[in-house]
Amino acid sequence: MAVPVGRTSVANQTHTLKVGDRAPDFELPGHRGGEKFRLSDARGKKNVVLAFYALDWTAT
């Protein structure tokens, strides 16, 4: 992935996770009413599935 001139790739600033590593905390906008989803709030209470896909129109 090309990084625009004058910007730094976040990938260069983070370490690689290994199988079994705990996911770092993050926050995302929720689906309902602008509420936020924070991973740390779900730990131990809910199952969380993160799906990463390359293209917006790619089925997961």
C-alpha atoms as a PDB file:
ATOM      1  CA  MET A   1       0.000   0.000   0.000  1.00  0.00           C
ATOM      2  CA  ALA A   2       1.445   3.316  -1.037  1.00  0.00           C
ATOM      3  CA  VAL A   3       1.624   6.100   1.508  1.00  0.00           C
ATOM      4  CA  PRO A   4       1.002   9.636   0.179  1.00  0.00           C
ATOM      5  CA  VAL A   5       4.001  11.967   0.257  1.00  0.00           C
ATOM      6  CA  GLY A   6       4.346  13.702   3.601  1.00  0.00           C
ATOM      7  CA  ARG A   7       2.514  11.002   5.580  1.00  0.00           C
ATOM      8  CA  THR A   8       3.746   8.151   7.729  1.00  0.00           C
ATOM      9  CA  SER A   9       2.262   4.679   7.528  1.00  0.00           C
ATOM     10  CA  VAL A  10       0.744   3.581  10.845  1.00  0.00           C
ATOM     11  CA  ALA A  11       1.831   0.036   9.972  1.00  0.00           C
ATOM     12  CA  ASN A  12       5.450   1.103  10.460  1.00  0.00           C
ATOM     13  CA  GLN A  13       4.653   2.283  13.992  1.00  0.00           C
ATOM     14  CA  THR A  14       2.940  -0.833  15.344  1.00  0.00           C
ATOM     15  CA  HIS A  15       4.183  -4.262  16.337  1.00  0.00           C
ATOM     16  CA  THR A  16       2.960  -7.484  14.739  1.00  0.00           C
ATOM     17  CA  LEU A  17       0.544  -9.589  16.756  1.00  0.00           C
ATOM     18  CA  LYS A  18       1.090 -13.324  17.009  1.00  0.00           C
ATOM     19  CA  VAL A  19      -1.493 -16.072  17.358  1.00  0.00           C
ATOM     20  CA  GLY A  20      -2.766 -15.986  20.922  1.00  0.00           C
ATOM     21  CA  ASP A  21      -1.807 -12.333  21.551  1.00  0.00           C
ATOM     22  CA  ARG A  22      -4.463 -10.148  23.098  1.00  0.00           C
ATOM     23  CA  ALA A  23      -5.908  -7.618  20.649  1.00  0.00           C
ATOM     24  CA  PRO A  24      -5.054  -4.004  21.476  1.00  0.00           C
ATOM     25  CA  ASP A  25      -7.934  -1.816  22.612  1.00  0.00           C
ATOM     26  CA  PHE A  26      -9.696   0.275  19.982  1.00  0.00           C
ATOM     27  CA  GLU A  27     -12.854   2.352  19.586  1.00  0.00           C
ATOM     28  CA  LEU A  28     -15.189   2.459  16.576  1.00  0.00           C
ATOM     29  CA  PRO A  29     -18.451   4.243  15.817  1.00  0.00           C
ATOM     30  CA  GLY A  30     -21.426   2.007  16.613  1.00  0.00           C
ATOM     31  CA  HIS A  31     -24.347   1.133  14.357  1.00  0.00           C
ATOM     32  CA  ARG A  32     -27.031   2.705  16.541  1.00  0.00           C
ATOM     33  CA  GLY A  33     -27.445   6.339  17.477  1.00  0.00           C
ATOM     34  CA  GLY A  34     -23.781   7.314  17.293  1.00  0.00           C
ATOM     35  CA  GLU A  35     -22.799   5.169  20.273  1.00  0.00           C
ATOM     36  CA  LYS A  36     -19.177   4.033  20.366  1.00  0.00           C
ATOM     37  CA  PHE A  37     -17.934   0.454  20.531  1.00  0.00           C
ATOM     38  CA  ARG A  38     -14.782  -0.050  22.604  1.00  0.00           C
ATOM     39  CA  LEU A  39     -13.137  -3.464  22.680  1.00  0.00           C
ATOM     40  CA  SER A  40     -12.169  -3.109  26.343  1.00  0.00           C
ATOM     41  CA  ASP A  41     -15.865  -2.718  27.263  1.00  0.00           C
ATOM     42  CA  ALA A  42     -16.670  -6.090  25.633  1.00  0.00           C
ATOM     43  CA  ARG A  43     -13.788  -8.119  27.115  1.00  0.00           C
ATOM     44  CA  GLY A  44     -15.136 -11.029  29.146  1.00  0.00           C
ATOM     45  CA  LYS A  45     -18.768 -10.162  28.344  1.00  0.00           C
ATOM     46  CA  LYS A  46     -19.264 -10.742  24.615  1.00  0.00           C
ATOM     47  CA  ASN A  47     -17.725 -12.647  21.739  1.00  0.00           C
ATOM     48  CA  VAL A  48     -16.184 -10.222  19.256  1.00  0.00           C
ATOM     49  CA  VAL A  49     -15.399 -11.147  15.659  1.00  0.00           C
ATOM     50  CA  LEU A  50     -13.210  -8.803  13.620  1.00  0.00           C
ATOM     51  CA  ALA A  51     -13.472  -9.280   9.866  1.00  0.00           C
ATOM     52  CA  PHE A  52     -10.839  -7.618   7.694  1.00  0.00           C
ATOM     53  CA  TYR A  53     -11.224  -7.613   3.941  1.00  0.00           C
ATOM     54  CA  ALA A  54      -9.266  -5.971   1.188  1.00  0.00           C
ATOM     55  CA  LEU A  55     -11.973  -4.319  -0.877  1.00  0.00           C
ATOM     56  CA  ASP A  56     -15.249  -2.634   0.020  1.00  0.00           C
ATOM     57  CA  TRP A  57     -17.270  -4.841  -2.332  1.00  0.00           C
ATOM     58  CA  THR A  58     -15.594  -8.111  -1.284  1.00  0.00           C
ATOM     59  CA  ALA A  59     -17.897 -10.555   0.492  1.00  0.00           C
ATOM     60  CA  THR A  60     -16.789 -11.702   3.937  1.00  0.00           C
END
